[in-house]
Every structure is written in C-alpha cells, then in structure tokens.
N, C-alpha and C. Protein backbone atom coordinates (compact mmCIF):
# COMPACT_ATOMS: atom_id res chain seq x y z
N UNK A 1 -18.63 20.54 15.80
CA UNK A 1 -18.97 19.78 16.99
C UNK A 1 -19.40 18.37 16.59
N UNK A 2 -18.87 17.37 17.29
CA UNK A 2 -19.21 15.98 17.00
C UNK A 2 -20.63 15.66 17.46
N UNK A 3 -21.31 14.82 16.69
CA UNK A 3 -22.66 14.39 17.08
C UNK A 3 -22.86 12.93 16.68
N UNK A 4 -23.91 12.35 17.25
CA UNK A 4 -24.28 10.96 16.93
C UNK A 4 -25.76 10.93 16.57
N UNK A 5 -26.05 10.24 15.48
CA UNK A 5 -27.45 10.04 15.05
C UNK A 5 -28.05 9.00 16.01
N UNK A 6 -29.10 9.40 16.71
CA UNK A 6 -29.55 8.64 17.88
C UNK A 6 -31.06 8.43 17.86
N UNK A 7 -31.48 7.25 18.34
CA UNK A 7 -32.91 7.00 18.53
C UNK A 7 -33.11 6.04 19.70
N UNK A 8 -34.31 6.08 20.26
CA UNK A 8 -34.68 5.22 21.38
C UNK A 8 -35.69 4.20 20.86
N UNK A 9 -35.49 2.92 21.20
CA UNK A 9 -36.37 1.89 20.64
C UNK A 9 -36.54 0.71 21.58
N UNK A 10 -37.61 0.00 21.31
CA UNK A 10 -37.89 -1.28 21.95
C UNK A 10 -37.44 -2.35 20.97
N UNK A 11 -36.39 -3.13 21.30
CA UNK A 11 -35.94 -4.16 20.36
C UNK A 11 -36.95 -5.30 20.28
N UNK A 12 -36.99 -5.98 19.16
CA UNK A 12 -37.90 -7.12 18.97
C UNK A 12 -37.08 -8.40 19.12
N UNK A 13 -37.33 -9.11 20.23
CA UNK A 13 -36.60 -10.36 20.50
C UNK A 13 -37.63 -11.39 20.95
N UNK A 14 -37.74 -12.53 20.28
CA UNK A 14 -36.96 -12.99 19.13
C UNK A 14 -37.51 -12.41 17.83
N UNK A 15 -36.67 -12.35 16.81
CA UNK A 15 -37.08 -11.75 15.53
C UNK A 15 -37.77 -12.75 14.59
N UNK A 16 -37.66 -14.05 14.89
CA UNK A 16 -38.12 -15.07 13.93
C UNK A 16 -39.56 -14.92 13.45
N UNK A 17 -40.56 -14.70 14.33
CA UNK A 17 -41.93 -14.58 13.80
C UNK A 17 -42.07 -13.44 12.79
N UNK A 18 -41.46 -12.30 13.09
CA UNK A 18 -41.53 -11.15 12.17
C UNK A 18 -40.72 -11.43 10.91
N UNK A 19 -39.54 -12.04 11.06
CA UNK A 19 -38.69 -12.35 9.90
C UNK A 19 -39.38 -13.35 8.98
N UNK A 20 -40.07 -14.34 9.57
CA UNK A 20 -40.81 -15.32 8.75
C UNK A 20 -41.93 -14.65 7.98
N UNK A 21 -42.62 -13.72 8.64
CA UNK A 21 -43.71 -13.00 7.98
C UNK A 21 -43.16 -12.12 6.85
N UNK A 22 -42.01 -11.48 7.08
CA UNK A 22 -41.38 -10.65 6.05
C UNK A 22 -40.98 -11.52 4.85
N UNK A 23 -40.48 -12.72 5.12
CA UNK A 23 -40.09 -13.64 4.05
C UNK A 23 -41.31 -14.03 3.21
N UNK A 24 -42.42 -14.28 3.88
CA UNK A 24 -43.67 -14.60 3.19
C UNK A 24 -44.11 -13.43 2.31
N UNK A 25 -44.03 -12.22 2.86
CA UNK A 25 -44.44 -11.03 2.11
C UNK A 25 -43.48 -10.76 0.94
N UNK A 26 -42.21 -11.04 1.14
CA UNK A 26 -41.22 -10.87 0.06
C UNK A 26 -41.63 -11.69 -1.15
N UNK A 27 -42.07 -12.91 -0.89
CA UNK A 27 -42.50 -13.79 -1.97
C UNK A 27 -43.78 -13.25 -2.62
N UNK A 28 -44.75 -12.86 -1.79
CA UNK A 28 -46.03 -12.39 -2.31
C UNK A 28 -45.90 -11.06 -3.07
N UNK A 29 -44.93 -10.25 -2.67
CA UNK A 29 -44.76 -8.91 -3.26
C UNK A 29 -43.53 -8.84 -4.16
N UNK A 30 -43.14 -9.95 -4.74
CA UNK A 30 -41.90 -10.00 -5.53
C UNK A 30 -41.93 -9.08 -6.75
N UNK A 31 -43.12 -8.65 -7.18
CA UNK A 31 -43.19 -7.73 -8.32
C UNK A 31 -43.03 -6.26 -7.92
N UNK A 32 -42.93 -6.03 -6.63
CA UNK A 32 -42.71 -4.66 -6.13
C UNK A 32 -41.23 -4.46 -5.83
N UNK A 33 -40.79 -3.21 -5.95
CA UNK A 33 -39.42 -2.87 -5.58
C UNK A 33 -39.46 -2.35 -4.14
N UNK A 34 -38.94 -3.17 -3.24
CA UNK A 34 -38.99 -2.87 -1.80
C UNK A 34 -37.59 -3.04 -1.22
N UNK A 35 -37.19 -2.08 -0.40
CA UNK A 35 -35.95 -2.21 0.34
C UNK A 35 -36.33 -2.82 1.69
N UNK A 36 -35.94 -4.09 1.87
CA UNK A 36 -36.32 -4.83 3.06
C UNK A 36 -35.39 -4.52 4.22
N UNK A 37 -35.96 -4.39 5.41
CA UNK A 37 -35.19 -4.13 6.62
C UNK A 37 -34.57 -5.46 7.07
N UNK A 38 -33.30 -5.42 7.45
CA UNK A 38 -32.62 -6.60 7.98
C UNK A 38 -33.29 -6.99 9.31
N UNK A 39 -33.75 -8.25 9.44
CA UNK A 39 -34.42 -8.65 10.69
C UNK A 39 -33.61 -8.38 11.96
N UNK A 40 -32.29 -8.38 11.87
CA UNK A 40 -31.48 -8.09 13.05
C UNK A 40 -31.70 -6.66 13.52
N UNK A 41 -32.27 -5.82 12.67
CA UNK A 41 -32.49 -4.41 13.01
C UNK A 41 -33.94 -4.11 13.41
N UNK A 42 -34.79 -5.12 13.50
CA UNK A 42 -36.19 -4.89 13.84
C UNK A 42 -36.31 -4.24 15.22
N UNK A 43 -37.11 -3.19 15.29
CA UNK A 43 -37.35 -2.49 16.55
C UNK A 43 -38.59 -1.62 16.42
N UNK A 44 -39.12 -1.23 17.55
CA UNK A 44 -40.23 -0.28 17.62
C UNK A 44 -39.64 1.05 18.10
N UNK A 45 -39.60 2.03 17.22
CA UNK A 45 -39.02 3.34 17.56
C UNK A 45 -39.94 4.08 18.53
N UNK A 46 -39.35 4.55 19.62
CA UNK A 46 -40.10 5.36 20.59
C UNK A 46 -39.80 6.85 20.41
N UNK A 47 -38.57 7.16 19.99
CA UNK A 47 -38.23 8.57 19.73
C UNK A 47 -36.99 8.60 18.84
N UNK A 48 -37.08 9.34 17.75
CA UNK A 48 -35.91 9.56 16.89
C UNK A 48 -35.37 10.94 17.22
N UNK A 49 -34.15 10.99 17.76
CA UNK A 49 -33.56 12.25 18.19
C UNK A 49 -32.79 12.94 17.07
N UNK A 50 -32.35 12.17 16.08
CA UNK A 50 -31.53 12.74 15.02
C UNK A 50 -30.10 12.93 15.52
N UNK A 51 -29.43 13.94 14.97
CA UNK A 51 -28.04 14.22 15.34
C UNK A 51 -28.00 14.89 16.71
N UNK A 52 -27.41 14.20 17.68
CA UNK A 52 -27.31 14.73 19.04
C UNK A 52 -25.84 15.06 19.32
N UNK A 53 -25.54 16.31 19.70
CA UNK A 53 -24.16 16.65 20.04
C UNK A 53 -23.64 15.71 21.14
N UNK A 54 -22.42 15.26 20.98
CA UNK A 54 -21.83 14.31 21.94
C UNK A 54 -21.89 14.85 23.36
N UNK A 55 -21.68 16.17 23.51
CA UNK A 55 -21.69 16.73 24.87
C UNK A 55 -23.09 16.81 25.48
N UNK A 56 -24.14 16.49 24.71
CA UNK A 56 -25.50 16.48 25.25
C UNK A 56 -25.97 15.05 25.57
N UNK A 57 -25.20 14.05 25.18
CA UNK A 57 -25.63 12.66 25.35
C UNK A 57 -25.80 12.26 26.81
N UNK A 58 -24.92 12.70 27.69
CA UNK A 58 -25.04 12.33 29.10
C UNK A 58 -26.33 12.86 29.69
N UNK A 59 -26.66 14.11 29.37
CA UNK A 59 -27.91 14.70 29.86
C UNK A 59 -29.11 13.95 29.29
N UNK A 60 -29.05 13.57 28.01
CA UNK A 60 -30.13 12.81 27.39
C UNK A 60 -30.30 11.46 28.09
N UNK A 61 -29.20 10.77 28.34
CA UNK A 61 -29.26 9.47 29.03
C UNK A 61 -29.89 9.63 30.41
N UNK A 62 -29.55 10.70 31.11
CA UNK A 62 -30.09 10.92 32.46
C UNK A 62 -31.60 11.14 32.44
N UNK A 63 -32.08 11.96 31.51
CA UNK A 63 -33.53 12.23 31.48
C UNK A 63 -34.30 10.98 31.01
N UNK A 64 -33.69 10.19 30.13
CA UNK A 64 -34.35 8.95 29.71
C UNK A 64 -34.42 7.96 30.87
N UNK A 65 -33.37 7.89 31.64
CA UNK A 65 -33.37 7.03 32.83
C UNK A 65 -34.50 7.46 33.77
N UNK A 66 -34.66 8.76 33.94
CA UNK A 66 -35.73 9.30 34.79
C UNK A 66 -37.11 8.94 34.23
N UNK A 67 -37.27 9.04 32.90
CA UNK A 67 -38.56 8.73 32.26
C UNK A 67 -38.94 7.28 32.45
N UNK A 68 -37.96 6.38 32.51
CA UNK A 68 -38.26 4.95 32.59
C UNK A 68 -38.31 4.41 34.01
N UNK A 69 -37.98 5.26 34.95
CA UNK A 69 -37.98 4.84 36.35
C UNK A 69 -39.38 4.36 36.75
N UNK A 70 -39.44 3.14 37.28
CA UNK A 70 -40.71 2.59 37.76
C UNK A 70 -41.61 2.01 36.69
N UNK A 71 -41.21 2.10 35.41
CA UNK A 71 -42.02 1.49 34.35
C UNK A 71 -41.81 -0.02 34.39
N UNK A 72 -42.90 -0.79 34.54
CA UNK A 72 -42.74 -2.24 34.60
C UNK A 72 -42.54 -2.85 33.21
N UNK A 73 -41.92 -4.03 33.19
CA UNK A 73 -41.88 -4.77 31.93
C UNK A 73 -43.33 -5.07 31.56
N UNK A 74 -43.59 -5.26 30.27
CA UNK A 74 -44.97 -5.46 29.83
C UNK A 74 -45.01 -6.37 28.61
N UNK A 75 -46.21 -6.84 28.32
CA UNK A 75 -46.42 -7.69 27.14
C UNK A 75 -47.05 -6.86 26.04
N UNK A 76 -46.72 -7.22 24.80
CA UNK A 76 -47.39 -6.62 23.64
C UNK A 76 -47.51 -7.70 22.57
N UNK A 77 -48.33 -7.44 21.56
CA UNK A 77 -48.55 -8.43 20.53
C UNK A 77 -48.18 -7.89 19.16
N UNK A 78 -47.55 -8.74 18.38
CA UNK A 78 -47.25 -8.44 16.98
C UNK A 78 -48.45 -8.90 16.18
N UNK A 79 -48.99 -8.01 15.34
CA UNK A 79 -50.21 -8.35 14.60
C UNK A 79 -49.97 -8.22 13.09
N UNK A 80 -51.04 -8.09 12.37
CA UNK A 80 -51.03 -8.22 10.91
C UNK A 80 -50.29 -7.12 10.17
N UNK A 81 -49.87 -7.43 8.93
CA UNK A 81 -49.16 -6.43 8.12
C UNK A 81 -50.08 -5.30 7.68
N UNK A 82 -49.47 -4.17 7.43
CA UNK A 82 -50.20 -3.01 6.94
C UNK A 82 -49.28 -2.12 6.11
N UNK A 83 -49.81 -0.98 5.74
CA UNK A 83 -49.14 -0.13 4.77
C UNK A 83 -49.33 1.33 5.13
N UNK A 84 -48.25 2.11 5.10
CA UNK A 84 -48.36 3.56 5.11
C UNK A 84 -48.21 4.00 3.66
N UNK A 85 -48.99 5.01 3.29
CA UNK A 85 -48.95 5.50 1.90
C UNK A 85 -48.37 6.90 1.86
N UNK A 86 -47.84 7.25 0.72
CA UNK A 86 -47.42 8.62 0.42
C UNK A 86 -48.26 9.02 -0.78
N UNK A 87 -49.32 9.77 -0.50
CA UNK A 87 -50.27 10.07 -1.58
C UNK A 87 -50.94 8.77 -2.02
N UNK A 88 -50.78 8.45 -3.29
CA UNK A 88 -51.37 7.20 -3.83
C UNK A 88 -50.34 6.09 -3.95
N UNK A 89 -49.12 6.36 -3.49
CA UNK A 89 -48.06 5.36 -3.61
C UNK A 89 -47.86 4.62 -2.29
N UNK A 90 -47.50 3.33 -2.36
CA UNK A 90 -47.13 2.64 -1.12
C UNK A 90 -45.80 3.19 -0.63
N UNK A 91 -45.66 3.33 0.68
CA UNK A 91 -44.45 3.91 1.23
C UNK A 91 -43.74 2.95 2.18
N UNK A 92 -44.42 2.55 3.27
CA UNK A 92 -43.80 1.69 4.29
C UNK A 92 -44.67 0.47 4.52
N UNK A 93 -44.02 -0.69 4.54
CA UNK A 93 -44.68 -1.96 4.86
C UNK A 93 -44.35 -2.28 6.31
N UNK A 94 -45.36 -2.57 7.10
CA UNK A 94 -45.13 -2.78 8.53
C UNK A 94 -45.96 -3.93 9.07
N UNK A 95 -45.57 -4.36 10.28
CA UNK A 95 -46.37 -5.29 11.07
C UNK A 95 -46.92 -4.49 12.24
N UNK A 96 -48.19 -4.71 12.54
CA UNK A 96 -48.84 -3.95 13.60
C UNK A 96 -48.39 -4.39 14.98
N UNK A 97 -48.54 -3.49 15.93
CA UNK A 97 -48.23 -3.79 17.32
C UNK A 97 -49.48 -3.45 18.14
N UNK A 98 -50.00 -4.47 18.79
CA UNK A 98 -51.12 -4.29 19.71
C UNK A 98 -50.50 -3.97 21.05
N UNK A 99 -50.48 -2.69 21.39
CA UNK A 99 -49.71 -2.21 22.53
C UNK A 99 -50.62 -1.92 23.72
N UNK A 100 -50.14 -2.25 24.92
CA UNK A 100 -50.91 -1.92 26.12
C UNK A 100 -50.77 -0.43 26.45
N UNK A 101 -51.62 0.03 27.34
CA UNK A 101 -51.62 1.44 27.74
C UNK A 101 -50.28 1.88 28.31
N UNK A 102 -49.56 0.97 28.96
CA UNK A 102 -48.27 1.33 29.58
C UNK A 102 -47.26 1.81 28.53
N UNK A 103 -47.34 1.29 27.31
CA UNK A 103 -46.43 1.75 26.25
C UNK A 103 -46.72 3.20 25.90
N UNK A 104 -48.00 3.58 25.85
CA UNK A 104 -48.36 4.96 25.56
C UNK A 104 -47.97 5.89 26.72
N UNK A 105 -48.08 5.38 27.95
CA UNK A 105 -47.65 6.14 29.12
C UNK A 105 -46.14 6.37 29.07
N UNK A 106 -45.39 5.33 28.70
CA UNK A 106 -43.94 5.45 28.57
C UNK A 106 -43.59 6.50 27.51
N UNK A 107 -44.27 6.46 26.38
CA UNK A 107 -44.02 7.43 25.31
C UNK A 107 -44.28 8.86 25.81
N UNK A 108 -45.37 9.06 26.56
CA UNK A 108 -45.66 10.39 27.11
C UNK A 108 -44.54 10.86 28.03
N UNK A 109 -44.08 9.96 28.89
CA UNK A 109 -43.01 10.32 29.82
C UNK A 109 -41.73 10.70 29.08
N UNK A 110 -41.39 9.90 28.08
CA UNK A 110 -40.17 10.18 27.30
C UNK A 110 -40.27 11.57 26.67
N UNK A 111 -41.38 11.83 26.00
CA UNK A 111 -41.56 13.13 25.34
C UNK A 111 -41.49 14.28 26.34
N UNK A 112 -42.16 14.10 27.47
CA UNK A 112 -42.18 15.15 28.50
C UNK A 112 -40.76 15.46 29.00
N UNK A 113 -39.94 14.41 29.14
CA UNK A 113 -38.58 14.59 29.67
C UNK A 113 -37.61 15.20 28.64
N UNK A 114 -37.78 14.87 27.36
CA UNK A 114 -36.79 15.32 26.37
C UNK A 114 -37.11 16.68 25.74
N UNK A 115 -38.35 17.13 25.84
CA UNK A 115 -38.70 18.44 25.27
C UNK A 115 -37.87 19.58 25.85
N UNK A 116 -37.62 19.61 27.19
CA UNK A 116 -36.78 20.69 27.73
C UNK A 116 -35.35 20.69 27.17
N UNK A 117 -34.92 19.57 26.59
CA UNK A 117 -33.58 19.51 25.99
C UNK A 117 -33.58 20.03 24.54
N UNK A 118 -34.75 20.44 24.05
CA UNK A 118 -34.83 21.00 22.70
C UNK A 118 -35.38 20.06 21.65
N UNK A 119 -35.80 18.85 22.06
CA UNK A 119 -36.38 17.91 21.09
C UNK A 119 -37.88 18.19 20.96
N UNK A 120 -38.42 17.91 19.80
CA UNK A 120 -39.83 18.20 19.54
C UNK A 120 -40.65 16.94 19.75
N UNK A 121 -41.67 17.06 20.61
CA UNK A 121 -42.54 15.92 20.93
C UNK A 121 -43.26 15.44 19.68
N UNK A 122 -43.30 14.11 19.52
CA UNK A 122 -44.09 13.53 18.43
C UNK A 122 -45.09 12.53 18.99
N UNK A 123 -45.44 12.73 20.26
CA UNK A 123 -46.34 11.82 20.97
C UNK A 123 -47.68 11.65 20.27
N UNK A 124 -48.24 12.73 19.73
CA UNK A 124 -49.56 12.64 19.10
C UNK A 124 -49.53 11.82 17.82
N UNK A 125 -48.35 11.68 17.20
CA UNK A 125 -48.22 10.91 15.96
C UNK A 125 -47.81 9.46 16.22
N UNK A 126 -47.66 9.08 17.50
CA UNK A 126 -47.16 7.75 17.85
C UNK A 126 -48.14 6.68 17.40
N UNK A 127 -47.66 5.80 16.52
CA UNK A 127 -48.47 4.71 15.97
C UNK A 127 -47.59 3.45 16.02
N UNK A 128 -47.65 2.68 17.11
CA UNK A 128 -46.72 1.56 17.26
C UNK A 128 -46.79 0.57 16.09
N UNK A 129 -45.63 0.35 15.48
CA UNK A 129 -45.53 -0.59 14.35
C UNK A 129 -44.08 -1.01 14.19
N UNK A 130 -43.89 -2.06 13.43
CA UNK A 130 -42.57 -2.58 13.14
C UNK A 130 -42.35 -2.48 11.64
N UNK A 131 -41.47 -1.59 11.21
CA UNK A 131 -41.18 -1.43 9.78
C UNK A 131 -40.40 -2.64 9.29
N UNK A 132 -40.90 -3.29 8.22
CA UNK A 132 -40.18 -4.43 7.65
C UNK A 132 -39.69 -4.14 6.23
N UNK A 133 -40.23 -3.08 5.59
CA UNK A 133 -39.78 -2.75 4.25
C UNK A 133 -40.22 -1.35 3.84
N UNK A 134 -39.45 -0.76 2.91
CA UNK A 134 -39.79 0.56 2.37
C UNK A 134 -39.87 0.45 0.85
N UNK A 135 -40.97 0.91 0.30
CA UNK A 135 -41.17 0.85 -1.15
C UNK A 135 -40.31 1.89 -1.85
N UNK A 136 -39.68 1.50 -2.95
CA UNK A 136 -38.98 2.45 -3.80
C UNK A 136 -40.06 3.35 -4.43
N UNK A 137 -39.90 4.69 -4.41
CA UNK A 137 -40.93 5.58 -4.95
C UNK A 137 -41.24 5.29 -6.43
N UNK A 138 -42.46 5.69 -6.83
CA UNK A 138 -42.87 5.56 -8.23
C UNK A 138 -43.72 4.34 -8.51
N UNK A 139 -44.21 3.66 -7.47
CA UNK A 139 -45.03 2.47 -7.66
C UNK A 139 -46.48 2.77 -7.28
N UNK A 140 -47.39 1.96 -7.74
CA UNK A 140 -48.80 2.16 -7.42
C UNK A 140 -49.31 0.98 -6.59
N UNK A 141 -50.40 1.23 -5.91
CA UNK A 141 -51.02 0.19 -5.09
C UNK A 141 -51.95 -0.63 -5.99
N UNK A 142 -51.52 -1.82 -6.30
CA UNK A 142 -52.29 -2.74 -7.14
C UNK A 142 -53.13 -3.64 -6.24
N UNK A 143 -54.19 -4.26 -6.80
CA UNK A 143 -54.98 -5.21 -6.00
C UNK A 143 -54.12 -6.33 -5.41
N UNK A 144 -53.04 -6.70 -6.11
CA UNK A 144 -52.17 -7.78 -5.61
C UNK A 144 -51.53 -7.40 -4.27
N UNK A 145 -51.29 -6.11 -4.05
CA UNK A 145 -50.69 -5.66 -2.80
C UNK A 145 -51.68 -5.84 -1.66
N UNK A 146 -52.90 -5.39 -1.85
CA UNK A 146 -53.93 -5.55 -0.81
C UNK A 146 -54.21 -7.03 -0.55
N UNK A 147 -54.19 -7.83 -1.62
CA UNK A 147 -54.42 -9.27 -1.48
C UNK A 147 -53.30 -9.90 -0.64
N UNK A 148 -52.06 -9.50 -0.90
CA UNK A 148 -50.92 -10.03 -0.15
C UNK A 148 -51.04 -9.70 1.34
N UNK A 149 -51.48 -8.49 1.65
CA UNK A 149 -51.64 -8.10 3.06
C UNK A 149 -52.72 -8.94 3.74
N UNK A 150 -53.76 -9.26 3.00
CA UNK A 150 -54.84 -10.08 3.55
C UNK A 150 -54.41 -11.53 3.72
N UNK A 151 -53.74 -12.07 2.72
CA UNK A 151 -53.30 -13.48 2.75
C UNK A 151 -52.31 -13.72 3.88
N UNK A 152 -51.45 -12.76 4.14
CA UNK A 152 -50.34 -12.97 5.07
C UNK A 152 -50.64 -12.56 6.51
N UNK A 153 -51.89 -12.54 6.87
CA UNK A 153 -52.25 -12.22 8.25
C UNK A 153 -51.78 -13.35 9.18
N UNK A 154 -51.44 -13.01 10.41
CA UNK A 154 -51.09 -14.03 11.40
C UNK A 154 -52.36 -14.78 11.81
N UNK A 155 -52.29 -16.10 11.97
CA UNK A 155 -53.48 -16.81 12.46
C UNK A 155 -53.84 -16.35 13.88
N UNK A 156 -52.79 -16.03 14.66
CA UNK A 156 -52.97 -15.51 16.03
C UNK A 156 -51.87 -14.47 16.26
N UNK A 157 -52.17 -13.39 16.99
CA UNK A 157 -51.11 -12.42 17.30
C UNK A 157 -49.97 -13.12 18.05
N UNK A 158 -48.75 -12.64 17.84
CA UNK A 158 -47.57 -13.22 18.48
C UNK A 158 -47.23 -12.38 19.72
N UNK A 159 -47.16 -13.05 20.86
CA UNK A 159 -46.93 -12.37 22.14
C UNK A 159 -45.44 -12.11 22.38
N UNK A 160 -45.13 -10.92 22.88
CA UNK A 160 -43.77 -10.53 23.21
C UNK A 160 -43.72 -9.93 24.61
N UNK A 161 -42.54 -9.99 25.21
CA UNK A 161 -42.30 -9.34 26.50
C UNK A 161 -41.31 -8.20 26.29
N UNK A 162 -41.68 -7.01 26.74
CA UNK A 162 -40.78 -5.86 26.68
C UNK A 162 -40.07 -5.77 28.01
N UNK A 163 -38.77 -6.03 28.00
CA UNK A 163 -37.99 -6.01 29.24
C UNK A 163 -36.95 -4.90 29.27
N UNK A 164 -36.66 -4.34 28.08
CA UNK A 164 -35.65 -3.27 28.03
C UNK A 164 -35.92 -2.33 26.87
N UNK A 165 -35.45 -1.11 27.04
CA UNK A 165 -35.51 -0.08 26.01
C UNK A 165 -34.06 0.30 25.73
N UNK A 166 -33.73 0.54 24.46
CA UNK A 166 -32.33 0.77 24.08
C UNK A 166 -32.18 2.12 23.39
N UNK A 167 -31.16 2.86 23.81
CA UNK A 167 -30.75 4.08 23.11
C UNK A 167 -29.69 3.65 22.10
N UNK A 168 -30.00 3.79 20.82
CA UNK A 168 -29.12 3.34 19.75
C UNK A 168 -28.43 4.51 19.07
N UNK A 169 -27.23 4.24 18.57
CA UNK A 169 -26.60 5.11 17.60
C UNK A 169 -26.87 4.49 16.23
N UNK A 170 -27.24 5.31 15.26
CA UNK A 170 -27.49 4.85 13.90
C UNK A 170 -26.40 5.41 13.00
N UNK A 171 -25.61 4.52 12.40
CA UNK A 171 -24.55 4.94 11.49
C UNK A 171 -24.97 4.62 10.07
N UNK A 172 -24.95 5.63 9.22
CA UNK A 172 -25.36 5.46 7.83
C UNK A 172 -24.17 5.09 6.95
N UNK A 173 -24.44 4.24 5.97
CA UNK A 173 -23.43 3.86 4.98
C UNK A 173 -24.15 3.58 3.67
N UNK A 174 -23.42 3.38 2.57
CA UNK A 174 -24.08 3.06 1.30
C UNK A 174 -24.94 1.78 1.39
N UNK A 175 -24.62 0.89 2.32
CA UNK A 175 -25.39 -0.35 2.49
C UNK A 175 -26.65 -0.13 3.32
N UNK A 176 -26.79 1.04 3.93
CA UNK A 176 -27.93 1.32 4.80
C UNK A 176 -27.47 1.66 6.20
N UNK A 177 -28.41 1.71 7.12
CA UNK A 177 -28.09 2.08 8.51
C UNK A 177 -27.70 0.85 9.31
N UNK A 178 -26.74 1.03 10.21
CA UNK A 178 -26.37 0.01 11.19
C UNK A 178 -26.62 0.61 12.56
N UNK A 179 -27.13 -0.22 13.48
CA UNK A 179 -27.51 0.26 14.80
C UNK A 179 -26.60 -0.30 15.88
N UNK A 180 -26.16 0.57 16.78
CA UNK A 180 -25.25 0.19 17.85
C UNK A 180 -25.84 0.64 19.19
N UNK A 181 -26.08 -0.31 20.11
CA UNK A 181 -26.63 0.08 21.41
C UNK A 181 -25.64 0.97 22.18
N UNK A 182 -26.14 2.07 22.72
CA UNK A 182 -25.32 2.96 23.54
C UNK A 182 -25.66 2.77 25.02
N UNK A 183 -26.96 2.67 25.33
CA UNK A 183 -27.42 2.46 26.70
C UNK A 183 -28.62 1.52 26.66
N UNK A 184 -28.64 0.56 27.58
CA UNK A 184 -29.80 -0.33 27.72
C UNK A 184 -30.47 0.01 29.04
N UNK A 185 -31.76 0.37 28.97
CA UNK A 185 -32.55 0.69 30.15
C UNK A 185 -33.43 -0.52 30.46
N UNK A 186 -33.20 -1.16 31.60
CA UNK A 186 -34.02 -2.32 31.98
C UNK A 186 -35.31 -1.83 32.58
N UNK A 187 -36.42 -2.44 32.16
CA UNK A 187 -37.71 -2.13 32.75
C UNK A 187 -37.84 -2.94 34.04
N UNK A 188 -38.66 -2.44 34.95
CA UNK A 188 -38.78 -3.05 36.26
C UNK A 188 -39.52 -4.38 36.15
N UNK A 189 -38.91 -5.45 36.67
CA UNK A 189 -39.59 -6.73 36.66
C UNK A 189 -40.55 -6.78 37.84
N UNK A 190 -41.51 -7.71 37.80
CA UNK A 190 -42.50 -7.80 38.87
C UNK A 190 -41.86 -8.16 40.20
N UNK A 191 -40.66 -8.76 40.16
CA UNK A 191 -39.99 -9.18 41.40
C UNK A 191 -39.24 -8.04 42.08
N UNK A 192 -39.05 -6.90 41.38
CA UNK A 192 -38.29 -5.78 41.98
C UNK A 192 -39.10 -5.06 43.04
C-alpha cells in the first residue's frame, strides 16, 4: 500500500531573522559537528504523522480542517537559542517560541481530532521550538557551547504572524528531507 511521510506545521515566514541567528551560531559553534537545517525548511511542527496510507489522507485532511475551524490568526515570538540533550550529549539546537495560549488550544484540537484515526497524541510533550541544527552524536557539552547560546541571544524577541498551517509531505533522500505542501489551512483573519 502506498503511503506518504506526513507532518503538520506552522511555516516560519520570513525566515531571515532565524537564518541570521543560525548563521551567527554556525560561526560560534564551528568546532562542533552539526547538521544545519536549511532555512527554507524552518517550521514549527504541530504533529508528525509519519507514514500515512494514501487512502487515509482525505480523511486526515477533513479532520484537520475541522480542528482548525474558527481558529484565528495569531502572533507569536521567536526567542533565544536553546538545546535539547540526549543524556550528556547535545542533540538539537533550537530557537525558542514564545507562544500564545491559542497555539496550545490548536494543538489540543488537532490531537483530539486525529486520535480516532489511529494517531497517538503527543500533546503533553508539545514544546514549541524551531529546530535549526542537529548535533552529530558523540560530542560533549563544552563551556563554549553554553557561552555561544548566551552570546547569541536576541536583543528583542522577533514578532511573527501565524496565518496558515500546512500539511506537508516529507520526502527523504541522501541529501536530507525535502518538504512539499499538500494542503494549506488558512487561519481566520479578524475581518472574517
């Protein structure tokens, strides 16, 4: 049976503030082995569905449309860099997202709608962030890493408007993942 590797995300537009911060961190962390995310692929993942059978995609699109019905567009802020660890090793380099309550409400709705389709809710683990790099395993957290995170803080959080949520197909290749929009869900503007 054919399937598509699928996830739902909030795209980051414009990418320049995050891309500039990643460039700064690349320089500061040049002694680390990091696989950097292409800025064109920056997004905030709301749900990773994995391999979805093609014949289930229409039903998935319908329940997602239902989950987003009446959700207004909203503002959020991009904040300082941080780190997820795997044991004592650095794992993921990210930029924080200062998210309003409506984003958490949207996440709850999405999870509630997709669970009956057989997907497992990850709402309790939801930690809004923007992944900008992944550390190659086998490295340690040196003081220079913590110093780089401190030095590269934003002077002020960067404001963004969330106007749409996108259901993406993720195609893997030796060069990494490429993302292709399958459905764009527009959030309700204040004028609607």
